[in-house]
C-alpha atoms as a PDB file:
ATOM      1  CA  UNK A   1      80.601  77.884  88.268  1.00  0.00           C
ATOM      2  CA  UNK A   2      82.724  79.164  85.393  1.00  0.00           C
ATOM      3  CA  UNK A   3      85.690  79.857  87.645  1.00  0.00           C
ATOM      4  CA  UNK A   4      88.427  77.396  86.816  1.00  0.00           C
ATOM      5  CA  UNK A   5      91.928  77.625  85.402  1.00  0.00           C
ATOM      6  CA  UNK A   6      91.929  81.382  86.044  1.00  0.00           C
ATOM      7  CA  UNK A   7      94.537  83.642  87.609  1.00  0.00           C
ATOM      8  CA  UNK A   8      92.971  85.006  90.793  1.00  0.00           C
ATOM      9  CA  UNK A   9      94.554  87.506  93.186  1.00  0.00           C
ATOM     10  CA  UNK A  10      93.387  87.718  96.801  1.00  0.00           C
ATOM     11  CA  UNK A  11      94.623  90.848  98.541  1.00  0.00           C
ATOM     12  CA  UNK A  12      94.675  90.101 102.260  1.00  0.00           C
ATOM     13  CA  UNK A  13      94.352  86.372 101.723  1.00  0.00           C
ATOM     14  CA  UNK A  14      96.203  84.932 104.688  1.00  0.00           C
ATOM     15  CA  UNK A  15      93.266  84.783 107.126  1.00  0.00           C
ATOM     16  CA  UNK A  16      89.529  85.157 107.515  1.00  0.00           C
ATOM     17  CA  UNK A  17      87.386  85.754 104.446  1.00  0.00           C
ATOM     18  CA  UNK A  18      90.400  86.304 102.197  1.00  0.00           C
ATOM     19  CA  UNK A  19      91.857  82.913 103.080  1.00  0.00           C
ATOM     20  CA  UNK A  20      88.480  81.248 102.547  1.00  0.00           C
ATOM     21  CA  UNK A  21      88.294  82.790  99.063  1.00  0.00           C
ATOM     22  CA  UNK A  22      91.830  81.605  98.261  1.00  0.00           C
ATOM     23  CA  UNK A  23      90.997  78.072  99.408  1.00  0.00           C
ATOM     24  CA  UNK A  24      87.730  77.956  97.481  1.00  0.00           C
ATOM     25  CA  UNK A  25      89.342  79.314  94.329  1.00  0.00           C
ATOM     26  CA  UNK A  26      92.111  76.724  94.588  1.00  0.00           C
ATOM     27  CA  UNK A  27      89.619  73.901  95.085  1.00  0.00           C
ATOM     28  CA  UNK A  28      87.854  74.991  91.891  1.00  0.00           C
ATOM     29  CA  UNK A  29      91.096  74.544  89.951  1.00  0.00           C
ATOM     30  CA  UNK A  30      92.476  78.075  89.718  1.00  0.00           C
ATOM     31  CA  UNK A  31      95.937  79.569  90.007  1.00  0.00           C
ATOM     32  CA  UNK A  32      95.784  81.729  93.109  1.00  0.00           C
ATOM     33  CA  UNK A  33      98.084  84.451  94.383  1.00  0.00           C
ATOM     34  CA  UNK A  34      97.420  85.641  97.916  1.00  0.00           C
ATOM     35  CA  UNK A  35      99.033  88.537  99.737  1.00  0.00           C
ATOM     36  CA  UNK A  36      99.620  89.594 103.315  1.00  0.00           C
ATOM     37  CA  UNK A  37     101.571  92.298 105.079  1.00  0.00           C
ATOM     38  CA  UNK A  38     103.519  89.427 106.646  1.00  0.00           C
ATOM     39  CA  UNK A  39     105.661  87.670 104.017  1.00  0.00           C
ATOM     40  CA  UNK A  40     106.251  84.529 106.067  1.00  0.00           C
ATOM     41  CA  UNK A  41     102.547  84.182 106.825  1.00  0.00           C
ATOM     42  CA  UNK A  42     101.592  84.637 103.180  1.00  0.00           C
ATOM     43  CA  UNK A  43     104.034  81.972 102.064  1.00  0.00           C
ATOM     44  CA  UNK A  44     103.023  79.521 104.801  1.00  0.00           C
ATOM     45  CA  UNK A  45      99.288  79.889 104.176  1.00  0.00           C
ATOM     46  CA  UNK A  46      99.781  79.533 100.414  1.00  0.00           C
ATOM     47  CA  UNK A  47     101.804  76.353 100.886  1.00  0.00           C
ATOM     48  CA  UNK A  48      99.182  74.919 103.228  1.00  0.00           C
ATOM     49  CA  UNK A  49      96.346  75.575 100.766  1.00  0.00           C
ATOM     50  CA  UNK A  50      97.886  73.932  97.723  1.00  0.00           C
ATOM     51  CA  UNK A  51     100.467  73.686  94.984  1.00  0.00           C
ATOM     52  CA  UNK A  52      98.951  76.271  92.642  1.00  0.00           C
ATOM     53  CA  UNK A  53      98.792  78.942  95.349  1.00  0.00           C
ATOM     54  CA  UNK A  54     101.632  81.398  95.922  1.00  0.00           C
ATOM     55  CA  UNK A  55     102.014  83.952  98.690  1.00  0.00           C
ATOM     56  CA  UNK A  56     103.583  87.392  98.564  1.00  0.00           C
ATOM     57  CA  UNK A  57     104.118  90.292 100.911  1.00  0.00           C
ATOM     58  CA  UNK A  58     102.083  93.368 100.030  1.00  0.00           C
ATOM     59  CA  UNK A  59     101.270  96.560 101.897  1.00  0.00           C
ATOM     60  CA  UNK A  60      98.374  98.290 100.131  1.00  0.00           C
ATOM     61  CA  UNK A  61      99.250 101.579 101.850  1.00  0.00           C
ATOM     62  CA  UNK A  62     102.547 101.666  99.900  1.00  0.00           C
ATOM     63  CA  UNK A  63     101.844 102.725  96.310  1.00  0.00           C
ATOM     64  CA  UNK A  64     105.347 101.888  95.086  1.00  0.00           C
ATOM     65  CA  UNK A  65     105.049  98.368  96.497  1.00  0.00           C
ATOM     66  CA  UNK A  66     101.609  97.879  94.959  1.00  0.00           C
ATOM     67  CA  UNK A  67     102.862  99.056  91.560  1.00  0.00           C
ATOM     68  CA  UNK A  68     105.902  96.772  91.748  1.00  0.00           C
ATOM     69  CA  UNK A  69     103.743  93.787  92.712  1.00  0.00           C
ATOM     70  CA  UNK A  70     101.480  94.102  89.672  1.00  0.00           C
ATOM     71  CA  UNK A  71     104.263  95.099  87.275  1.00  0.00           C
ATOM     72  CA  UNK A  72     105.347  91.487  86.760  1.00  0.00           C
ATOM     73  CA  UNK A  73     101.808  90.096  86.436  1.00  0.00           C
ATOM     74  CA  UNK A  74      99.540  89.699  83.408  1.00  0.00           C
ATOM     75  CA  UNK A  75      96.443  87.825  82.375  1.00  0.00           C
ATOM     76  CA  UNK A  76      94.684  88.445  85.683  1.00  0.00           C
ATOM     77  CA  UNK A  77      91.076  87.331  85.641  1.00  0.00           C
ATOM     78  CA  UNK A  78      89.777  88.247  89.092  1.00  0.00           C
ATOM     79  CA  UNK A  79      90.889  90.216  92.158  1.00  0.00           C
ATOM     80  CA  UNK A  80      89.292  90.087  95.578  1.00  0.00           C
ATOM     81  CA  UNK A  81      90.338  92.785  98.050  1.00  0.00           C
ATOM     82  CA  UNK A  82      89.882  91.649 101.640  1.00  0.00           C
ATOM     83  CA  UNK A  83      92.543  93.919 103.119  1.00  0.00           C
ATOM     84  CA  UNK A  84      91.169  96.460 105.540  1.00  0.00           C
ATOM     85  CA  UNK A  85      91.229  97.622 109.116  1.00  0.00           C
ATOM     86  CA  UNK A  86      89.245  99.864 111.414  1.00  0.00           C
ATOM     87  CA  UNK A  87      89.447 101.813 114.632  1.00  0.00           C
ATOM     88  CA  UNK A  88      86.963 102.030 117.479  1.00  0.00           C
ATOM     89  CA  UNK A  89      86.266 105.067 119.619  1.00  0.00           C
ATOM     90  CA  UNK A  90      84.574 108.440 119.668  1.00  0.00           C
ATOM     91  CA  UNK A  91      85.290 111.004 116.984  1.00  0.00           C
ATOM     92  CA  UNK A  92      86.351 113.461 119.683  1.00  0.00           C
ATOM     93  CA  UNK A  93      89.003 111.124 121.124  1.00  0.00           C
ATOM     94  CA  UNK A  94      92.563 110.822 119.899  1.00  0.00           C
ATOM     95  CA  UNK A  95      94.194 112.144 116.726  1.00  0.00           C
ATOM     96  CA  UNK A  96      91.871 112.252 113.725  1.00  0.00           C
ATOM     97  CA  UNK A  97      94.536 111.292 111.178  1.00  0.00           C
ATOM     98  CA  UNK A  98      95.408 108.204 113.203  1.00  0.00           C
ATOM     99  CA  UNK A  99      91.759 107.205 113.480  1.00  0.00           C
ATOM    100  CA  UNK A 100      91.351 107.499 109.717  1.00  0.00           C
ATOM    101  CA  UNK A 101      94.187 105.098 108.907  1.00  0.00           C
ATOM    102  CA  UNK A 102      91.692 102.235 108.738  1.00  0.00           C
ATOM    103  CA  UNK A 103      89.483 104.186 106.355  1.00  0.00           C
ATOM    104  CA  UNK A 104      92.454 105.084 104.171  1.00  0.00           C
ATOM    105  CA  UNK A 105      93.567 101.464 104.016  1.00  0.00           C
ATOM    106  CA  UNK A 106      90.160 100.359 102.769  1.00  0.00           C
ATOM    107  CA  UNK A 107      89.553 103.186 100.294  1.00  0.00           C
ATOM    108  CA  UNK A 108      92.984 104.308  99.117  1.00  0.00           C
ATOM    109  CA  UNK A 109      94.387 100.796  99.358  1.00  0.00           C
ATOM    110  CA  UNK A 110      91.649  99.524  97.061  1.00  0.00           C
ATOM    111  CA  UNK A 111      92.200 102.402  94.632  1.00  0.00           C
ATOM    112  CA  UNK A 112      95.927 101.694  94.516  1.00  0.00           C
ATOM    113  CA  UNK A 113      95.217  98.089  93.631  1.00  0.00           C
ATOM    114  CA  UNK A 114      92.769  99.044  90.880  1.00  0.00           C
ATOM    115  CA  UNK A 115      95.118 101.644  89.451  1.00  0.00           C
ATOM    116  CA  UNK A 116      98.043  99.243  89.303  1.00  0.00           C
ATOM    117  CA  UNK A 117      96.117  96.161  88.185  1.00  0.00           C
ATOM    118  CA  UNK A 118      93.625  97.411  85.632  1.00  0.00           C
ATOM    119  CA  UNK A 119      95.986  97.209  82.648  1.00  0.00           C
ATOM    120  CA  UNK A 120      97.053  93.708  83.674  1.00  0.00           C
ATOM    121  CA  UNK A 121      93.546  92.233  83.611  1.00  0.00           C
ATOM    122  CA  UNK A 122      91.683  90.325  80.938  1.00  0.00           C
ATOM    123  CA  UNK A 123      88.534  91.939  79.579  1.00  0.00           C
ATOM    124  CA  UNK A 124      85.484  90.553  81.328  1.00  0.00           C
ATOM    125  CA  UNK A 125      87.415  89.966  84.533  1.00  0.00           C
ATOM    126  CA  UNK A 126      86.306  91.355  87.858  1.00  0.00           C
ATOM    127  CA  UNK A 127      87.422  93.199  90.968  1.00  0.00           C
ATOM    128  CA  UNK A 128      85.495  92.629  94.176  1.00  0.00           C
ATOM    129  CA  UNK A 129      85.644  94.910  97.209  1.00  0.00           C
ATOM    130  CA  UNK A 130      84.688  94.270 100.834  1.00  0.00           C
ATOM    131  CA  UNK A 131      82.030  96.460 102.375  1.00  0.00           C
ATOM    132  CA  UNK A 132      80.017  95.573 105.452  1.00  0.00           C
ATOM    133  CA  UNK A 133      76.801  95.855 107.394  1.00  0.00           C
ATOM    134  CA  UNK A 134      78.078  99.037 109.064  1.00  0.00           C
ATOM    135  CA  UNK A 135      77.212 100.857 105.828  1.00  0.00           C
ATOM    136  CA  UNK A 136      73.516 100.388 106.563  1.00  0.00           C
ATOM    137  CA  UNK A 137      73.605  99.822 110.330  1.00  0.00           C
ATOM    138  CA  UNK A 138      76.223 102.151 111.856  1.00  0.00           C
ATOM    139  CA  UNK A 139      76.816 101.918 115.580  1.00  0.00           C
ATOM    140  CA  UNK A 140      78.327 104.379 118.033  1.00  0.00           C
ATOM    141  CA  UNK A 141      82.100 104.224 118.185  1.00  0.00           C
ATOM    142  CA  UNK A 142      82.464 102.457 114.816  1.00  0.00           C
ATOM    143  CA  UNK A 143      82.189 105.486 112.544  1.00  0.00           C
ATOM    144  CA  UNK A 144      85.507 104.660 110.838  1.00  0.00           C
ATOM    145  CA  UNK A 145      84.145 101.241 109.890  1.00  0.00           C
ATOM    146  CA  UNK A 146      80.934 102.735 108.536  1.00  0.00           C
ATOM    147  CA  UNK A 147      82.803 105.205 106.352  1.00  0.00           C
ATOM    148  CA  UNK A 148      85.187 102.502 105.163  1.00  0.00           C
ATOM    149  CA  UNK A 149      82.577  99.932 104.199  1.00  0.00           C
ATOM    150  CA  UNK A 150      80.404 102.547 102.499  1.00  0.00           C
ATOM    151  CA  UNK A 151      83.345 103.764 100.428  1.00  0.00           C
ATOM    152  CA  UNK A 152      84.241 100.214  99.376  1.00  0.00           C
ATOM    153  CA  UNK A 153      80.695  99.512  98.256  1.00  0.00           C
ATOM    154  CA  UNK A 154      80.520 102.786  96.342  1.00  0.00           C
ATOM    155  CA  UNK A 155      83.699 101.859  94.477  1.00  0.00           C
ATOM    156  CA  UNK A 156      81.783  98.919  93.016  1.00  0.00           C
ATOM    157  CA  UNK A 157      79.405 101.413  91.427  1.00  0.00           C
ATOM    158  CA  UNK A 158      81.504 104.355  90.332  1.00  0.00           C
ATOM    159  CA  UNK A 159      84.288 102.307  88.737  1.00  0.00           C
ATOM    160  CA  UNK A 160      81.898 100.479  86.415  1.00  0.00           C
ATOM    161  CA  UNK A 161      81.663 103.563  84.235  1.00  0.00           C
ATOM    162  CA  UNK A 162      85.382 104.266  84.427  1.00  0.00           C
ATOM    163  CA  UNK A 163      86.418 100.789  83.240  1.00  0.00           C
ATOM    164  CA  UNK A 164      83.385  99.092  81.651  1.00  0.00           C
ATOM    165  CA  UNK A 165      85.472  96.197  80.299  1.00  0.00           C
ATOM    166  CA  UNK A 166      86.028  95.031  83.908  1.00  0.00           C
ATOM    167  CA  UNK A 167      83.236  94.098  86.309  1.00  0.00           C
ATOM    168  CA  UNK A 168      83.232  95.711  89.750  1.00  0.00           C
ATOM    169  CA  UNK A 169      81.214  94.343  92.651  1.00  0.00           C
ATOM    170  CA  UNK A 170      81.309  94.143  96.442  1.00  0.00           C
ATOM    171  CA  UNK A 171      80.342  91.782  99.214  1.00  0.00           C
ATOM    172  CA  UNK A 172      78.853  93.224 102.377  1.00  0.00           C
ATOM    173  CA  UNK A 173      79.358  90.807 105.272  1.00  0.00           C
ATOM    174  CA  UNK A 174      77.722  91.175 108.635  1.00  0.00           C
ATOM    175  CA  UNK A 175      79.353  89.790 111.746  1.00  0.00           C
ATOM    176  CA  UNK A 176      81.508  86.922 110.480  1.00  0.00           C
ATOM    177  CA  UNK A 177      83.464  84.464 112.608  1.00  0.00           C
ATOM    178  CA  UNK A 178      86.966  85.591 111.631  1.00  0.00           C
ATOM    179  CA  UNK A 179      90.223  86.252 113.513  1.00  0.00           C
ATOM    180  CA  UNK A 180      89.576  90.001 113.259  1.00  0.00           C
ATOM    181  CA  UNK A 181      87.043  89.683 116.076  1.00  0.00           C
ATOM    182  CA  UNK A 182      89.565  87.822 118.236  1.00  0.00           C
ATOM    183  CA  UNK A 183      91.613  91.014 118.355  1.00  0.00           C
ATOM    184  CA  UNK A 184      88.624  93.273 119.001  1.00  0.00           C
ATOM    185  CA  UNK A 185      86.567  91.119 121.397  1.00  0.00           C
ATOM    186  CA  UNK A 186      89.271  88.970 122.950  1.00  0.00           C
ATOM    187  CA  UNK A 187      88.008  86.270 125.313  1.00  0.00           C
ATOM    188  CA  UNK A 188      84.470  87.629 125.001  1.00  0.00           C
ATOM    189  CA  UNK A 189      84.231  86.792 121.289  1.00  0.00           C
ATOM    190  CA  UNK A 190      82.150  83.607 121.594  1.00  0.00           C
ATOM    191  CA  UNK A 191      79.690  85.145 124.042  1.00  0.00           C
ATOM    192  CA  UNK A 192      79.314  88.390 122.106  1.00  0.00           C
ATOM    193  CA  UNK A 193      78.812  86.687 118.737  1.00  0.00           C
ATOM    194  CA  UNK A 194      76.311  84.261 120.249  1.00  0.00           C
ATOM    195  CA  UNK A 195      74.335  87.219 121.586  1.00  0.00           C
ATOM    196  CA  UNK A 196      74.380  88.916 118.197  1.00  0.00           C
ATOM    197  CA  UNK A 197      73.273  85.717 116.469  1.00  0.00           C
ATOM    198  CA  UNK A 198      70.104  85.661 118.592  1.00  0.00           C
ATOM    199  CA  UNK A 199      69.081  89.046 117.168  1.00  0.00           C
ATOM    200  CA  UNK A 200      69.401  87.956 113.521  1.00  0.00           C
ATOM    201  CA  UNK A 201      66.572  86.493 111.449  1.00  0.00           C
ATOM    202  CA  UNK A 202      68.783  83.485 110.557  1.00  0.00           C
ATOM    203  CA  UNK A 203      69.947  83.061 114.192  1.00  0.00           C
ATOM    204  CA  UNK A 204      73.557  82.434 113.209  1.00  0.00           C
ATOM    205  CA  UNK A 205      76.825  84.230 112.511  1.00  0.00           C
ATOM    206  CA  UNK A 206      78.202  83.837 108.991  1.00  0.00           C
ATOM    207  CA  UNK A 207      81.257  81.713 108.361  1.00  0.00           C
ATOM    208  CA  UNK A 208      84.140  82.951 106.181  1.00  0.00           C
ATOM    209  CA  UNK A 209      83.223  80.239 103.670  1.00  0.00           C
ATOM    210  CA  UNK A 210      79.691  81.585 103.296  1.00  0.00           C
ATOM    211  CA  UNK A 211      81.063  85.016 102.409  1.00  0.00           C
ATOM    212  CA  UNK A 212      83.678  83.437 100.142  1.00  0.00           C
ATOM    213  CA  UNK A 213      80.965  81.623  98.177  1.00  0.00           C
ATOM    214  CA  UNK A 214      79.404  85.011  97.372  1.00  0.00           C
ATOM    215  CA  UNK A 215      82.787  86.283  96.167  1.00  0.00           C
ATOM    216  CA  UNK A 216      83.144  83.267  93.874  1.00  0.00           C
ATOM    217  CA  UNK A 217      79.632  83.859  92.549  1.00  0.00           C
ATOM    218  CA  UNK A 218      80.528  87.441  91.648  1.00  0.00           C
ATOM    219  CA  UNK A 219      83.591  86.166  89.818  1.00  0.00           C
ATOM    220  CA  UNK A 220      81.570  83.570  87.930  1.00  0.00           C
ATOM    221  CA  UNK A 221      78.570  85.556  86.704  1.00  0.00           C
ATOM    222  CA  UNK A 222      79.517  87.671  83.684  1.00  0.00           C
ATOM    223  CA  UNK A 223      76.271  89.670  83.836  1.00  0.00           C
ATOM    224  CA  UNK A 224      76.738  91.048  87.343  1.00  0.00           C
ATOM    225  CA  UNK A 225      78.488  94.385  87.775  1.00  0.00           C
ATOM    226  CA  UNK A 226      77.991  97.388  90.053  1.00  0.00           C
ATOM    227  CA  UNK A 227      76.344  95.108  92.608  1.00  0.00           C
ATOM    228  CA  UNK A 228      76.624  94.690  96.389  1.00  0.00           C
ATOM    229  CA  UNK A 229      75.737  91.289  97.855  1.00  0.00           C
ATOM    230  CA  UNK A 230      74.794  91.198 101.545  1.00  0.00           C
ATOM    231  CA  UNK A 231      75.830  88.192 103.628  1.00  0.00           C
ATOM    232  CA  UNK A 232      74.668  89.470 106.996  1.00  0.00           C
ATOM    233  CA  UNK A 233      71.897  87.125 108.105  1.00  0.00           C
ATOM    234  CA  UNK A 234      69.423  89.990 107.761  1.00  0.00           C
ATOM    235  CA  UNK A 235      71.355  92.178 110.202  1.00  0.00           C
ATOM    236  CA  UNK A 236      70.683  95.386 108.273  1.00  0.00           C
ATOM    237  CA  UNK A 237      66.933  94.784 108.598  1.00  0.00           C
ATOM    238  CA  UNK A 238      66.632  94.453 112.370  1.00  0.00           C
END
């Protein structure tokens, strides 16, 4: 893969898929910058991955902070945006604006990153968003997730024509064994994911590394833009 000795930014790179991308990019010989809302966590994870990885605090919901973060950077080759959150529950429950915070983080957070970073990137570089199987297979109570993943995947299409010198793509993971599900499923995580795996054509849940390999592919292939790669074990088909 032609991904070596590049400057790669991973937004939300301290855990899950983001961390797997940071680790894989480092192992391929790149200079990696990862971010997290938690400064200490970002710095610790970066140190644990390797010497050419640095960690910074970044809140994508704060436009001033995003602008300041990218102000001092240049020569960026690739950006992967893993940052995102969701909310579960019926549309009729709770305060709508609070429910939509997860959607805003995924859509507006990604747009803030693009806006701040685009002038700092090398031509031919790429930005990769994170969608999800909920775009194609929405379920009751996860409407925020479905809107968020769909918007992220659409960004990979509409921005191609806005900035044709940069490639825009997205990965669309299905259920992936990441810490996010620890918070949502708690002690039931193993049982629930095992049950889901039985319904999939591949009979397994994806690992963060399997999704990360798709991200690295999108970075490496200079002819791919406006594309969404599904790593869902066939979940959207069943």
